[in-house]
């Protein structure tokens, strides 16, 4: 049970694209990016509040 080769990952990516479609994947990607940005902003805001700054 070694690691997957590049060809395995290409096949997995093609299957995912066939199942979900490219539009759905891009929507998921943008939503995930917004969630990560919001999380980072929240963490920065909490650290500023802990320091007593706003």
PDB file of N, CA and C in Angstrom:
ATOM      1  N   UNK A   1       0.835  -1.188   0.000  1.00  0.00           N
ATOM      2  CA  UNK A   1       0.000   0.000   0.000  1.00  0.00           C
ATOM      3  C   UNK A   1       0.874   1.244   0.000  1.00  0.00           C
ATOM      4  N   UNK A   2       1.442   1.553  -1.122  1.00  0.00           N
ATOM      5  CA  UNK A   2       2.254   2.750  -1.242  1.00  0.00           C
ATOM      6  C   UNK A   2       1.403   3.951  -1.589  1.00  0.00           C
ATOM      7  N   UNK A   3       2.069   5.042  -1.848  1.00  0.00           N
ATOM      8  CA  UNK A   3       1.340   6.248  -2.216  1.00  0.00           C
ATOM      9  C   UNK A   3       0.864   6.141  -3.660  1.00  0.00           C
ATOM     10  N   UNK A   4      -0.115   6.939  -3.979  1.00  0.00           N
ATOM     11  CA  UNK A   4      -0.678   6.930  -5.321  1.00  0.00           C
ATOM     12  C   UNK A   4       0.251   7.664  -6.286  1.00  0.00           C
ATOM     13  N   UNK A   5       0.267   7.209  -7.510  1.00  0.00           N
ATOM     14  CA  UNK A   5       1.066   7.883  -8.530  1.00  0.00           C
ATOM     15  C   UNK A   5       0.265   9.048  -9.105  1.00  0.00           C
ATOM     16  N   UNK A   6       0.890   9.832  -9.937  1.00  0.00           N
ATOM     17  CA  UNK A   6       0.239  10.983 -10.556  1.00  0.00           C
ATOM     18  C   UNK A   6      -0.941  10.519 -11.413  1.00  0.00           C
ATOM     19  N   UNK A   7      -0.777   9.400 -12.092  1.00  0.00           N
ATOM     20  CA  UNK A   7      -1.849   8.887 -12.953  1.00  0.00           C
ATOM     21  C   UNK A   7      -3.094   8.538 -12.139  1.00  0.00           C
ATOM     22  N   UNK A   8      -2.914   8.007 -10.950  1.00  0.00           N
ATOM     23  CA  UNK A   8      -4.057   7.703 -10.088  1.00  0.00           C
ATOM     24  C   UNK A   8      -4.822   8.978  -9.731  1.00  0.00           C
ATOM     25  N   UNK A   9      -4.082  10.039  -9.392  1.00  0.00           N
ATOM     26  CA  UNK A   9      -4.728  11.298  -9.019  1.00  0.00           C
ATOM     27  C   UNK A   9      -5.462  11.915 -10.200  1.00  0.00           C
ATOM     28  N   UNK A  10      -4.914  11.781 -11.403  1.00  0.00           N
ATOM     29  CA  UNK A  10      -5.580  12.303 -12.603  1.00  0.00           C
ATOM     30  C   UNK A  10      -6.894  11.573 -12.825  1.00  0.00           C
ATOM     31  N   UNK A  11      -6.889  10.275 -12.662  1.00  0.00           N
ATOM     32  CA  UNK A  11      -8.114   9.492 -12.841  1.00  0.00           C
ATOM     33  C   UNK A  11      -9.151   9.866 -11.793  1.00  0.00           C
ATOM     34  N   UNK A  12      -8.732  10.018 -10.539  1.00  0.00           N
ATOM     35  CA  UNK A  12      -9.652  10.419  -9.469  1.00  0.00           C
ATOM     36  C   UNK A  12     -10.245  11.794  -9.769  1.00  0.00           C
ATOM     37  N   UNK A  13      -9.409  12.733 -10.219  1.00  0.00           N
ATOM     38  CA  UNK A  13      -9.885  14.071 -10.551  1.00  0.00           C
ATOM     39  C   UNK A  13     -10.904  14.030 -11.688  1.00  0.00           C
ATOM     40  N   UNK A  14     -10.655  13.216 -12.694  1.00  0.00           N
ATOM     41  CA  UNK A  14     -11.594  13.098 -13.814  1.00  0.00           C
ATOM     42  C   UNK A  14     -12.930  12.520 -13.356  1.00  0.00           C
ATOM     43  N   UNK A  15     -12.905  11.537 -12.485  1.00  0.00           N
ATOM     44  CA  UNK A  15     -14.144  10.944 -11.975  1.00  0.00           C
ATOM     45  C   UNK A  15     -14.930  11.957 -11.149  1.00  0.00           C
ATOM     46  N   UNK A  16     -14.232  12.722 -10.311  1.00  0.00           N
ATOM     47  CA  UNK A  16     -14.897  13.751  -9.499  1.00  0.00           C
ATOM     48  C   UNK A  16     -15.539  14.800 -10.400  1.00  0.00           C
ATOM     49  N   UNK A  17     -14.827  15.204 -11.454  1.00  0.00           N
ATOM     50  CA  UNK A  17     -15.376  16.197 -12.377  1.00  0.00           C
ATOM     51  C   UNK A  17     -16.600  15.647 -13.113  1.00  0.00           C
ATOM     52  N   UNK A  18     -16.582  14.378 -13.460  1.00  0.00           N
ATOM     53  CA  UNK A  18     -17.745  13.778 -14.123  1.00  0.00           C
ATOM     54  C   UNK A  18     -18.945  13.687 -13.192  1.00  0.00           C
ATOM     55  N   UNK A  19     -18.694  13.384 -11.926  1.00  0.00           N
ATOM     56  CA  UNK A  19     -19.786  13.218 -10.975  1.00  0.00           C
ATOM     57  C   UNK A  19     -20.399  14.562 -10.592  1.00  0.00           C
ATOM     58  N   UNK A  20     -19.558  15.535 -10.254  1.00  0.00           N
ATOM     59  CA  UNK A  20     -20.055  16.808  -9.748  1.00  0.00           C
ATOM     60  C   UNK A  20     -20.191  17.883 -10.813  1.00  0.00           C
ATOM     61  N   UNK A  21     -19.423  17.824 -11.855  1.00  0.00           N
ATOM     62  CA  UNK A  21     -19.436  18.872 -12.869  1.00  0.00           C
ATOM     63  C   UNK A  21     -18.519  20.012 -12.475  1.00  0.00           C
ATOM     64  N   UNK A  22     -18.018  20.729 -13.473  1.00  0.00           N
ATOM     65  CA  UNK A  22     -17.043  21.780 -13.186  1.00  0.00           C
ATOM     66  C   UNK A  22     -17.672  22.978 -12.496  1.00  0.00           C
ATOM     67  N   UNK A  23     -18.927  23.292 -12.804  1.00  0.00           N
ATOM     68  CA  UNK A  23     -19.569  24.446 -12.172  1.00  0.00           C
ATOM     69  C   UNK A  23     -19.754  24.214 -10.676  1.00  0.00           C
ATOM     70  N   UNK A  24     -20.178  23.036 -10.317  1.00  0.00           N
ATOM     71  CA  UNK A  24     -20.376  22.711  -8.903  1.00  0.00           C
ATOM     72  C   UNK A  24     -19.046  22.743  -8.157  1.00  0.00           C
ATOM     73  N   UNK A  25     -17.986  22.242  -8.780  1.00  0.00           N
ATOM     74  CA  UNK A  25     -16.667  22.233  -8.138  1.00  0.00           C
ATOM     75  C   UNK A  25     -16.162  23.656  -7.927  1.00  0.00           C
ATOM     76  N   UNK A  26     -16.363  24.541  -8.918  1.00  0.00           N
ATOM     77  CA  UNK A  26     -15.907  25.923  -8.749  1.00  0.00           C
ATOM     78  C   UNK A  26     -16.715  26.640  -7.672  1.00  0.00           C
ATOM     79  N   UNK A  27     -18.003  26.326  -7.568  1.00  0.00           N
ATOM     80  CA  UNK A  27     -18.833  26.919  -6.524  1.00  0.00           C
ATOM     81  C   UNK A  27     -18.361  26.462  -5.149  1.00  0.00           C
ATOM     82  N   UNK A  28     -18.057  25.191  -5.029  1.00  0.00           N
ATOM     83  CA  UNK A  28     -17.563  24.666  -3.757  1.00  0.00           C
ATOM     84  C   UNK A  28     -16.224  25.320  -3.408  1.00  0.00           C
ATOM     85  N   UNK A  29     -15.364  25.487  -4.411  1.00  0.00           N
ATOM     86  CA  UNK A  29     -14.067  26.107  -4.174  1.00  0.00           C
ATOM     87  C   UNK A  29     -14.182  27.543  -3.707  1.00  0.00           C
ATOM     88  N   UNK A  30     -15.067  28.310  -4.335  1.00  0.00           N
ATOM     89  CA  UNK A  30     -15.218  29.711  -3.928  1.00  0.00           C
ATOM     90  C   UNK A  30     -15.850  29.806  -2.542  1.00  0.00           C
ATOM     91  N   UNK A  31     -16.813  28.939  -2.236  1.00  0.00           N
ATOM     92  CA  UNK A  31     -17.407  28.942  -0.903  1.00  0.00           C
ATOM     93  C   UNK A  31     -16.380  28.566   0.167  1.00  0.00           C
ATOM     94  N   UNK A  32     -15.527  27.610  -0.160  1.00  0.00           N
ATOM     95  CA  UNK A  32     -14.488  27.214   0.783  1.00  0.00           C
ATOM     96  C   UNK A  32     -13.496  28.348   1.007  1.00  0.00           C
ATOM     97  N   UNK A  33     -13.142  29.065  -0.056  1.00  0.00           N
ATOM     98  CA  UNK A  33     -12.242  30.204   0.072  1.00  0.00           C
ATOM     99  C   UNK A  33     -12.821  31.301   0.939  1.00  0.00           C
ATOM    100  N   UNK A  34     -14.111  31.591   0.754  1.00  0.00           N
ATOM    101  CA  UNK A  34     -14.775  32.603   1.578  1.00  0.00           C
ATOM    102  C   UNK A  34     -14.818  32.177   3.044  1.00  0.00           C
ATOM    103  N   UNK A  35     -15.047  30.890   3.286  1.00  0.00           N
ATOM    104  CA  UNK A  35     -15.100  30.396   4.661  1.00  0.00           C
ATOM    105  C   UNK A  35     -13.741  30.515   5.331  1.00  0.00           C
ATOM    106  N   UNK A  36     -12.684  30.193   4.609  1.00  0.00           N
ATOM    107  CA  UNK A  36     -11.336  30.295   5.172  1.00  0.00           C
ATOM    108  C   UNK A  36     -10.983  31.749   5.454  1.00  0.00           C
ATOM    109  N   UNK A  37     -11.344  32.651   4.538  1.00  0.00           N
ATOM    110  CA  UNK A  37     -11.070  34.079   4.738  1.00  0.00           C
ATOM    111  C   UNK A  37     -11.832  34.607   5.958  1.00  0.00           C
ATOM    112  N   UNK A  38     -13.092  34.195   6.091  1.00  0.00           N
ATOM    113  CA  UNK A  38     -13.875  34.608   7.250  1.00  0.00           C
ATOM    114  C   UNK A  38     -13.299  34.083   8.549  1.00  0.00           C
ATOM    115  N   UNK A  39     -12.821  32.847   8.520  1.00  0.00           N
ATOM    116  CA  UNK A  39     -12.198  32.263   9.711  1.00  0.00           C
ATOM    117  C   UNK A  39     -10.945  33.034  10.095  1.00  0.00           C
ATOM    118  N   UNK A  40     -10.103  33.346   9.101  1.00  0.00           N
ATOM    119  CA  UNK A  40      -8.871  34.095   9.385  1.00  0.00           C
ATOM    120  C   UNK A  40      -9.187  35.487   9.923  1.00  0.00           C
ATOM    121  N   UNK A  41     -10.195  36.150   9.363  1.00  0.00           N
ATOM    122  CA  UNK A  41     -10.593  37.468   9.868  1.00  0.00           C
ATOM    123  C   UNK A  41     -11.099  37.367  11.305  1.00  0.00           C
ATOM    124  N   UNK A  42     -11.847  36.311  11.605  1.00  0.00           N
ATOM    125  CA  UNK A  42     -12.347  36.107  12.964  1.00  0.00           C
ATOM    126  C   UNK A  42     -11.230  35.864  13.957  1.00  0.00           C
ATOM    127  N   UNK A  43     -10.243  35.095  13.553  1.00  0.00           N
ATOM    128  CA  UNK A  43      -9.112  34.819  14.441  1.00  0.00           C
ATOM    129  C   UNK A  43      -8.318  36.095  14.684  1.00  0.00           C
ATOM    130  N   UNK A  44      -8.107  36.898  13.652  1.00  0.00           N
ATOM    131  CA  UNK A  44      -7.385  38.163  13.818  1.00  0.00           C
ATOM    132  C   UNK A  44      -8.172  39.113  14.706  1.00  0.00           C
ATOM    133  N   UNK A  45      -9.494  39.128  14.561  1.00  0.00           N
ATOM    134  CA  UNK A  45     -10.326  40.003  15.378  1.00  0.00           C
ATOM    135  C   UNK A  45     -10.288  39.612  16.839  1.00  0.00           C
ATOM    136  N   UNK A  46     -10.290  38.321  17.110  1.00  0.00           N
ATOM    137  CA  UNK A  46     -10.236  37.862  18.493  1.00  0.00           C
ATOM    138  C   UNK A  46      -8.894  38.181  19.125  1.00  0.00           C
ATOM    139  N   UNK A  47      -7.813  38.078  18.361  1.00  0.00           N
ATOM    140  CA  UNK A  47      -6.503  38.376  18.933  1.00  0.00           C
ATOM    141  C   UNK A  47      -6.374  39.868  19.222  1.00  0.00           C
ATOM    142  N   UNK A  48      -6.983  40.725  18.390  1.00  0.00           N
ATOM    143  CA  UNK A  48      -6.951  42.164  18.658  1.00  0.00           C
ATOM    144  C   UNK A  48      -7.774  42.493  19.904  1.00  0.00           C
ATOM    145  N   UNK A  49      -8.936  41.818  20.071  1.00  0.00           N
ATOM    146  CA  UNK A  49      -9.766  42.077  21.239  1.00  0.00           C
ATOM    147  C   UNK A  49      -9.055  41.607  22.507  1.00  0.00           C
ATOM    148  N   UNK A  50      -8.286  40.535  22.425  1.00  0.00           N
ATOM    149  CA  UNK A  50      -7.557  40.027  23.589  1.00  0.00           C
ATOM    150  C   UNK A  50      -6.460  41.006  24.006  1.00  0.00           C
ATOM    151  N   UNK A  51      -5.899  41.710  23.020  1.00  0.00           N
ATOM    152  CA  UNK A  51      -4.876  42.719  23.306  1.00  0.00           C
ATOM    153  C   UNK A  51      -5.473  44.033  23.780  1.00  0.00           C
ATOM    154  N   UNK A  52      -6.789  44.183  23.664  1.00  0.00           N
ATOM    155  CA  UNK A  52      -7.447  45.407  24.084  1.00  0.00           C
ATOM    156  C   UNK A  52      -7.533  46.424  22.962  1.00  0.00           C
ATOM    157  N   UNK A  53      -7.262  46.030  21.733  1.00  0.00           N
ATOM    158  CA  UNK A  53      -7.336  46.931  20.594  1.00  0.00           C
ATOM    159  C   UNK A  53      -8.548  46.592  19.754  1.00  0.00           C
ATOM    160  N   UNK A  54      -8.964  47.566  18.956  1.00  0.00           N
ATOM    161  CA  UNK A  54     -10.066  47.324  18.028  1.00  0.00           C
ATOM    162  C   UNK A  54      -9.698  47.793  16.679  1.00  0.00           C
TER     163      UNK A  54
END
